[in-house]
Each structure stands twice: as structure tokens, then as C-alpha cells.
C-alpha atoms as a PDB file:
ATOM      1  CA  ILE A   1      88.118 158.504  78.719  1.00  0.00           C
ATOM      2  CA  VAL A   2      85.975 161.484  79.684  1.00  0.00           C
ATOM      3  CA  ALA A   3      89.006 163.637  80.551  1.00  0.00           C
ATOM      4  CA  SER A   4      90.652 162.675  77.249  1.00  0.00           C
ATOM      5  CA  ILE A   5      87.599 163.819  75.311  1.00  0.00           C
ATOM      6  CA  PHE A   6      87.536 167.132  77.197  1.00  0.00           C
ATOM      7  CA  LYS A   7      91.240 167.572  76.445  1.00  0.00           C
ATOM      8  CA  PHE A   8      90.622 166.869  72.752  1.00  0.00           C
ATOM      9  CA  LEU A   9      87.912 169.552  72.771  1.00  0.00           C
ATOM     10  CA  GLY A  10      90.357 172.100  74.211  1.00  0.00           C
ATOM     11  CA  ALA A  11      90.120 171.833  77.982  1.00  0.00           C
ATOM     12  CA  THR A  12      93.281 171.862  80.062  1.00  0.00           C
ATOM     13  CA  VAL A  13      93.282 168.669  82.132  1.00  0.00           C
ATOM     14  CA  TYR A  14      95.117 168.016  85.384  1.00  0.00           C
ATOM     15  CA  ASP A  15      95.377 164.255  85.957  1.00  0.00           C
ATOM     16  CA  SER A  16      95.728 163.980  89.723  1.00  0.00           C
ATOM     17  CA  ASP A  17      96.502 160.249  89.711  1.00  0.00           C
ATOM     18  CA  THR A  18      99.456 160.671  87.335  1.00  0.00           C
ATOM     19  CA  VAL A  19     100.710 163.679  89.294  1.00  0.00           C
ATOM     20  CA  ALA A  20     100.404 161.785  92.587  1.00  0.00           C
ATOM     21  CA  LYS A  21     102.517 158.939  91.191  1.00  0.00           C
ATOM     22  CA  THR A  22     105.143 161.429  90.013  1.00  0.00           C
ATOM     23  CA  LEU A  23     105.202 163.294  93.325  1.00  0.00           C
ATOM     24  CA  MET A  24     105.568 160.025  95.230  1.00  0.00           C
ATOM     25  CA  GLN A  25     108.807 159.489  93.346  1.00  0.00           C
ATOM     26  CA  GLU A  26     110.168 162.990  92.789  1.00  0.00           C
ATOM     27  CA  ASN A  27     109.075 165.120  95.768  1.00  0.00           C
ATOM     28  CA  LYS A  28     111.890 164.512  98.272  1.00  0.00           C
ATOM     29  CA  SER A  29     109.867 165.561 101.304  1.00  0.00           C
ATOM     30  CA  LEU A  30     106.992 163.267 100.327  1.00  0.00           C
ATOM     31  CA  VAL A  31     109.336 160.370  99.526  1.00  0.00           C
ATOM     32  CA  ASP A  32     110.964 160.762 102.953  1.00  0.00           C
ATOM     33  CA  LYS A  33     107.557 160.702 104.683  1.00  0.00           C
ATOM     34  CA  ILE A  34     106.506 157.601 102.761  1.00  0.00           C
ATOM     35  CA  LYS A  35     109.764 155.805 103.597  1.00  0.00           C
ATOM     36  CA  THR A  36     109.462 156.792 107.259  1.00  0.00           C
ATOM     37  CA  ASN A  37     105.899 155.494 107.514  1.00  0.00           C
ATOM     38  CA  PHE A  38     105.982 152.515 105.134  1.00  0.00           C
ATOM     39  CA  GLY A  39     109.658 151.517 105.125  1.00  0.00           C
ATOM     40  CA  SER A  40     112.429 152.199 102.628  1.00  0.00           C
ATOM     41  CA  ASP A  41     111.726 148.869 100.949  1.00  0.00           C
ATOM     42  CA  ILE A  42     108.509 150.337  99.508  1.00  0.00           C
ATOM     43  CA  TYR A  43     110.876 151.761  96.840  1.00  0.00           C
ATOM     44  CA  ASP A  44     113.059 149.683  94.536  1.00  0.00           C
ATOM     45  CA  ASP A  45     116.794 150.241  93.960  1.00  0.00           C
ATOM     46  CA  ASN A  46     116.042 152.810  91.235  1.00  0.00           C
ATOM     47  CA  GLY A  47     113.859 154.915  93.535  1.00  0.00           C
ATOM     48  CA  ASN A  48     110.582 153.750  91.979  1.00  0.00           C
ATOM     49  CA  ILE A  49     107.726 153.029  94.323  1.00  0.00           C
ATOM     50  CA  ILE A  50     106.717 149.373  94.281  1.00  0.00           C
ATOM     51  CA  ARG A  51     103.031 149.830  93.452  1.00  0.00           C
ATOM     52  CA  ASP A  52     101.935 146.253  94.112  1.00  0.00           C
ATOM     53  CA  LYS A  53     103.482 146.360  97.571  1.00  0.00           C
ATOM     54  CA  LEU A  54     101.900 149.735  98.364  1.00  0.00           C
ATOM     55  CA  ARG A  55      98.477 148.568  97.115  1.00  0.00           C
ATOM     56  CA  GLU A  56      98.724 145.459  99.284  1.00  0.00           C
ATOM     57  CA  LEU A  57      99.469 147.604 102.341  1.00  0.00           C
ATOM     58  CA  ILE A  58      96.887 150.329 101.885  1.00  0.00           C
ATOM     59  CA  PHE A  59      93.949 148.314 100.609  1.00  0.00           C
ATOM     60  CA  ASN A  60      94.195 145.862 103.480  1.00  0.00           C
ATOM     61  CA  ASP A  61      94.612 148.450 106.229  1.00  0.00           C
ATOM     62  CA  GLU A  62      92.276 151.450 106.526  1.00  0.00           C
ATOM     63  CA  ASP A  63      94.712 153.354 108.782  1.00  0.00           C
ATOM     64  CA  LYS A  64      97.552 152.980 106.277  1.00  0.00           C
ATOM     65  CA  ARG A  65      95.315 154.087 103.410  1.00  0.00           C
ATOM     66  CA  MET A  66      94.254 157.158 105.351  1.00  0.00           C
ATOM     67  CA  LEU A  67      97.889 157.842 106.248  1.00  0.00           C
ATOM     68  CA  ILE A  68      99.139 157.700 102.652  1.00  0.00           C
ATOM     69  CA  ASN A  69      96.219 159.891 101.537  1.00  0.00           C
ATOM     70  CA  SER A  70      97.017 162.437 104.274  1.00  0.00           C
ATOM     71  CA  MET A  71     100.564 162.680 102.921  1.00  0.00           C
ATOM     72  CA  VAL A  72      99.922 162.602  99.168  1.00  0.00           C
ATOM     73  CA  HIS A  73      96.708 164.614  98.780  1.00  0.00           C
ATOM     74  CA  PRO A  74      98.033 167.917 100.217  1.00  0.00           C
ATOM     75  CA  CYS A  75     101.018 167.715  97.835  1.00  0.00           C
ATOM     76  CA  VAL A  76      98.701 167.088  94.873  1.00  0.00           C
ATOM     77  CA  TYR A  77      96.384 169.936  95.878  1.00  0.00           C
ATOM     78  CA  GLN A  78      99.301 172.355  96.184  1.00  0.00           C
ATOM     79  CA  ASP A  79     100.629 171.219  92.822  1.00  0.00           C
ATOM     80  CA  PHE A  80      97.180 171.777  91.318  1.00  0.00           C
ATOM     81  CA  LYS A  81      97.046 175.309  92.722  1.00  0.00           C
ATOM     82  CA  ASN A  82     100.391 175.977  91.029  1.00  0.00           C
ATOM     83  CA  PHE A  83      99.033 174.407  87.839  1.00  0.00           C
ATOM     84  CA  VAL A  84      96.036 176.755  87.905  1.00  0.00           C
ATOM     85  CA  GLU A  85      98.288 179.787  88.389  1.00  0.00           C
ATOM     86  CA  THR A  86     100.420 178.693  85.439  1.00  0.00           C
ATOM     87  CA  ASN A  87      97.321 178.088  83.299  1.00  0.00           C
ATOM     88  CA  ASN A  88      95.148 180.996  84.456  1.00  0.00           C
ATOM     89  CA  ASP A  89      94.677 182.108  80.854  1.00  0.00           C
ATOM     90  CA  LYS A  90      92.920 178.864  79.924  1.00  0.00           C
ATOM     91  CA  GLN A  91      89.179 178.867  79.369  1.00  0.00           C
ATOM     92  CA  LEU A  92      88.448 175.549  81.069  1.00  0.00           C
ATOM     93  CA  ILE A  93      90.578 173.578  83.535  1.00  0.00           C
ATOM     94  CA  LEU A  94      89.547 170.098  84.666  1.00  0.00           C
ATOM     95  CA  PHE A  95      90.864 168.394  87.775  1.00  0.00           C
ATOM     96  CA  GLU A  96      90.532 164.663  87.128  1.00  0.00           C
ATOM     97  CA  SER A  97      90.395 162.608  90.306  1.00  0.00           C
ATOM     98  CA  ALA A  98      88.802 159.397  91.558  1.00  0.00           C
ATOM     99  CA  LEU A  99      88.923 160.590  95.171  1.00  0.00           C
ATOM    100  CA  LEU A 100      87.983 164.273  94.868  1.00  0.00           C
ATOM    101  CA  LEU A 101      84.674 163.917  96.681  1.00  0.00           C
ATOM    102  CA  LYS A 102      86.188 161.973  99.598  1.00  0.00           C
ATOM    103  CA  GLY A 103      87.541 165.089 101.323  1.00  0.00           C
ATOM    104  CA  ASP A 104      86.787 168.817 101.250  1.00  0.00           C
ATOM    105  CA  PHE A 105      88.962 169.889  98.309  1.00  0.00           C
ATOM    106  CA  TYR A 106      85.961 169.556  95.966  1.00  0.00           C
ATOM    107  CA  LYS A 107      84.554 172.716  97.569  1.00  0.00           C
ATOM    108  CA  ASN A 108      87.141 174.697  95.564  1.00  0.00           C
ATOM    109  CA  PHE A 109      85.366 173.891  92.305  1.00  0.00           C
ATOM    110  CA  ASP A 110      82.397 175.567  90.667  1.00  0.00           C
ATOM    111  CA  THR A 111      81.107 172.383  89.049  1.00  0.00           C
ATOM    112  CA  ILE A 112      81.775 168.684  89.522  1.00  0.00           C
ATOM    113  CA  ILE A 113      81.295 166.208  86.679  1.00  0.00           C
ATOM    114  CA  PHE A 114      80.695 162.896  88.403  1.00  0.00           C
ATOM    115  CA  VAL A 115      81.395 160.025  86.023  1.00  0.00           C
ATOM    116  CA  THR A 116      80.234 156.540  86.834  1.00  0.00           C
ATOM    117  CA  ALA A 117      79.875 153.227  85.046  1.00  0.00           C
ATOM    118  CA  ASP A 118      78.396 149.811  85.699  1.00  0.00           C
ATOM    119  CA  LEU A 119      80.558 147.700  88.053  1.00  0.00           C
ATOM    120  CA  ARG A 120      81.055 145.029  85.382  1.00  0.00           C
ATOM    121  CA  ILE A 121      82.375 147.631  82.938  1.00  0.00           C
ATOM    122  CA  LEU A 122      84.643 149.199  85.572  1.00  0.00           C
ATOM    123  CA  ILE A 123      86.177 145.864  86.507  1.00  0.00           C
ATOM    124  CA  SER A 124      86.741 144.936  82.874  1.00  0.00           C
ATOM    125  CA  ARG A 125      88.404 148.286  82.055  1.00  0.00           C
ATOM    126  CA  ILE A 126      90.639 148.284  85.136  1.00  0.00           C
ATOM    127  CA  THR A 127      91.678 144.675  84.553  1.00  0.00           C
ATOM    128  CA  LYS A 128      92.665 145.475  80.957  1.00  0.00           C
ATOM    129  CA  ARG A 129      94.434 148.717  81.922  1.00  0.00           C
ATOM    130  CA  ASN A 130      96.242 147.634  85.096  1.00  0.00           C
ATOM    131  CA  GLY A 131      96.072 143.847  85.174  1.00  0.00           C
ATOM    132  CA  LEU A 132      94.703 143.852  88.732  1.00  0.00           C
ATOM    133  CA  ASN A 133      92.591 141.023  90.099  1.00  0.00           C
ATOM    134  CA  THR A 134      88.868 141.437  90.681  1.00  0.00           C
ATOM    135  CA  ASP A 135      89.069 141.342  94.492  1.00  0.00           C
ATOM    136  CA  LEU A 136      91.616 144.172  94.606  1.00  0.00           C
ATOM    137  CA  ILE A 137      89.618 146.204  92.091  1.00  0.00           C
ATOM    138  CA  LYS A 138      86.513 145.841  94.266  1.00  0.00           C
ATOM    139  CA  LYS A 139      88.485 147.048  97.326  1.00  0.00           C
ATOM    140  CA  ILE A 140      89.744 150.061  95.371  1.00  0.00           C
ATOM    141  CA  LEU A 141      86.268 150.907  94.079  1.00  0.00           C
ATOM    142  CA  GLU A 142      84.782 150.497  97.556  1.00  0.00           C
ATOM    143  CA  ASN A 143      87.259 153.122  98.763  1.00  0.00           C
ATOM    144  CA  GLN A 144      86.054 155.482  96.025  1.00  0.00           C
ATOM    145  CA  LYS A 145      82.341 155.283  96.930  1.00  0.00           C
ATOM    146  CA  ILE A 146      80.779 158.658  97.536  1.00  0.00           C
ATOM    147  CA  SER A 147      78.090 159.614 100.025  1.00  0.00           C
ATOM    148  CA  LYS A 148      74.772 160.472  98.373  1.00  0.00           C
ATOM    149  CA  ASN A 149      74.652 163.592 100.581  1.00  0.00           C
ATOM    150  CA  VAL A 150      77.826 164.895  98.933  1.00  0.00           C
ATOM    151  CA  LEU A 151      76.423 164.209  95.477  1.00  0.00           C
ATOM    152  CA  ASN A 152      73.181 166.030  96.277  1.00  0.00           C
ATOM    153  CA  ASN A 153      74.736 169.099  97.893  1.00  0.00           C
ATOM    154  CA  ARG A 154      76.841 170.438  95.039  1.00  0.00           C
ATOM    155  CA  ASN A 155      76.559 171.665  91.498  1.00  0.00           C
ATOM    156  CA  ILE A 156      77.156 168.200  90.083  1.00  0.00           C
ATOM    157  CA  ILE A 157      76.673 166.919  86.576  1.00  0.00           C
ATOM    158  CA  LYS A 158      76.207 163.153  86.673  1.00  0.00           C
ATOM    159  CA  LEU A 159      77.494 161.300  83.641  1.00  0.00           C
ATOM    160  CA  THR A 160      77.162 157.541  83.159  1.00  0.00           C
ATOM    161  CA  ASN A 161      79.867 156.069  80.972  1.00  0.00           C
ATOM    162  CA  ASN A 162      78.514 152.779  79.648  1.00  0.00           C
ATOM    163  CA  GLU A 163      78.524 150.765  76.476  1.00  0.00           C
ATOM    164  CA  THR A 164      75.044 151.671  75.262  1.00  0.00           C
ATOM    165  CA  THR A 165      75.000 155.467  75.026  1.00  0.00           C
ATOM    166  CA  LEU A 166      77.191 157.715  72.952  1.00  0.00           C
ATOM    167  CA  LEU A 167      79.599 159.501  75.256  1.00  0.00           C
ATOM    168  CA  ILE A 168      81.174 162.098  72.967  1.00  0.00           C
ATOM    169  CA  PRO A 169      77.967 164.039  72.139  1.00  0.00           C
ATOM    170  CA  ARG A 170      77.114 164.258  75.839  1.00  0.00           C
ATOM    171  CA  ILE A 171      80.588 165.560  76.687  1.00  0.00           C
ATOM    172  CA  VAL A 172      80.477 168.088  73.844  1.00  0.00           C
ATOM    173  CA  LYS A 173      77.182 169.381  75.233  1.00  0.00           C
ATOM    174  CA  ILE A 174      78.700 169.735  78.721  1.00  0.00           C
ATOM    175  CA  TYR A 175      81.847 171.345  77.315  1.00  0.00           C
ATOM    176  CA  LYS A 176      79.808 173.964  75.437  1.00  0.00           C
ATOM    177  CA  ARG A 177      78.178 175.036  78.730  1.00  0.00           C
ATOM    178  CA  PHE A 178      81.568 176.261  79.940  1.00  0.00           C
ATOM    179  CA  ILE A 179      83.059 177.960  76.883  1.00  0.00           C
END
């Protein structure tokens, strides 16, 4: 939602989750690595990754989750660098990612906008969007938790996305700081 509002205002947005899904199906080298490490049957007959099967594997096995991240994240980061080069004339580029603060790639950015919401709201939105069950959603969100040290050591704007405060005026205010 936040990235969509920034895009509406004129920012150029890189959606890392969407790109990762595309790369996991179209980047031959990455596909080969995934098949080697997770089995060819992780893809269907049309070459599409079977998301439910992958989720089951990686959210029940820390080593497998770290392995898939170690394969996918470098491809996404390289793709983003290419994206920035292609869009270097743009005034504001956003890198949208749920896992940005889990590694060191965040150090490449001048400012981080950390968006959070109440757990109840997150579960409701993810259930509606993806149809996942509550237990799996909680595992996914647990994986996305960020150390307070990371949040306190950077130029971070914290933004709570809930049902009681108007989001658009707050995003417009943030957007105006950068243009």
C-alpha cells in the first residue's frame, strides 16, 4: 500500500518480491540452482515454481530458508543495481522489500522507510491477499522480524500502517522531503 502511494506520487518503485518471483522462473542460472538444491519437482510442468511446496520447505527448515535466500537475494540485488542504472534520471527510487533489513544490502540506501502494522491487521491483509493460513503467516512474519539495533543505527523513518490514522497525508509529507 505504501509503495503504491509513493508510485502514485511519482516515485519509481522496485518491488523486490515480484522481481524475485520472476527471477526464480526466468533466470536460468537461478532456476538450475533451485532445482539442484530443492529438486526439479519444485517446478510444475510449465516451469512455474510451486509456491506452496516451496513455502512448506523453507518455513519449516531454517537451513533451507537461508539457502534459498542466499541464491535469490544476490540476483535481486544485481537486478536492482541494473534498475537504478536504467532509471538514474528519476528523482526518487524506492526499493520495496520485506527482508531488506535482514542482511547488509540496506547499507546501500540513504534512508529506510520502515513500515509496520498491528499483527492482527497484517494477518488479515495477508490472508485476504494470499489465502495463507494463520500459522504460516506467523512463521513468515517471524522470519521478517528486525533487530532493534538495526532500526536504531540507520536513518530510518518509522511508519505505522493501521486502520486509525490517515496514511496518505503522512506519505505525502515523507515524499516531499525527497523531491
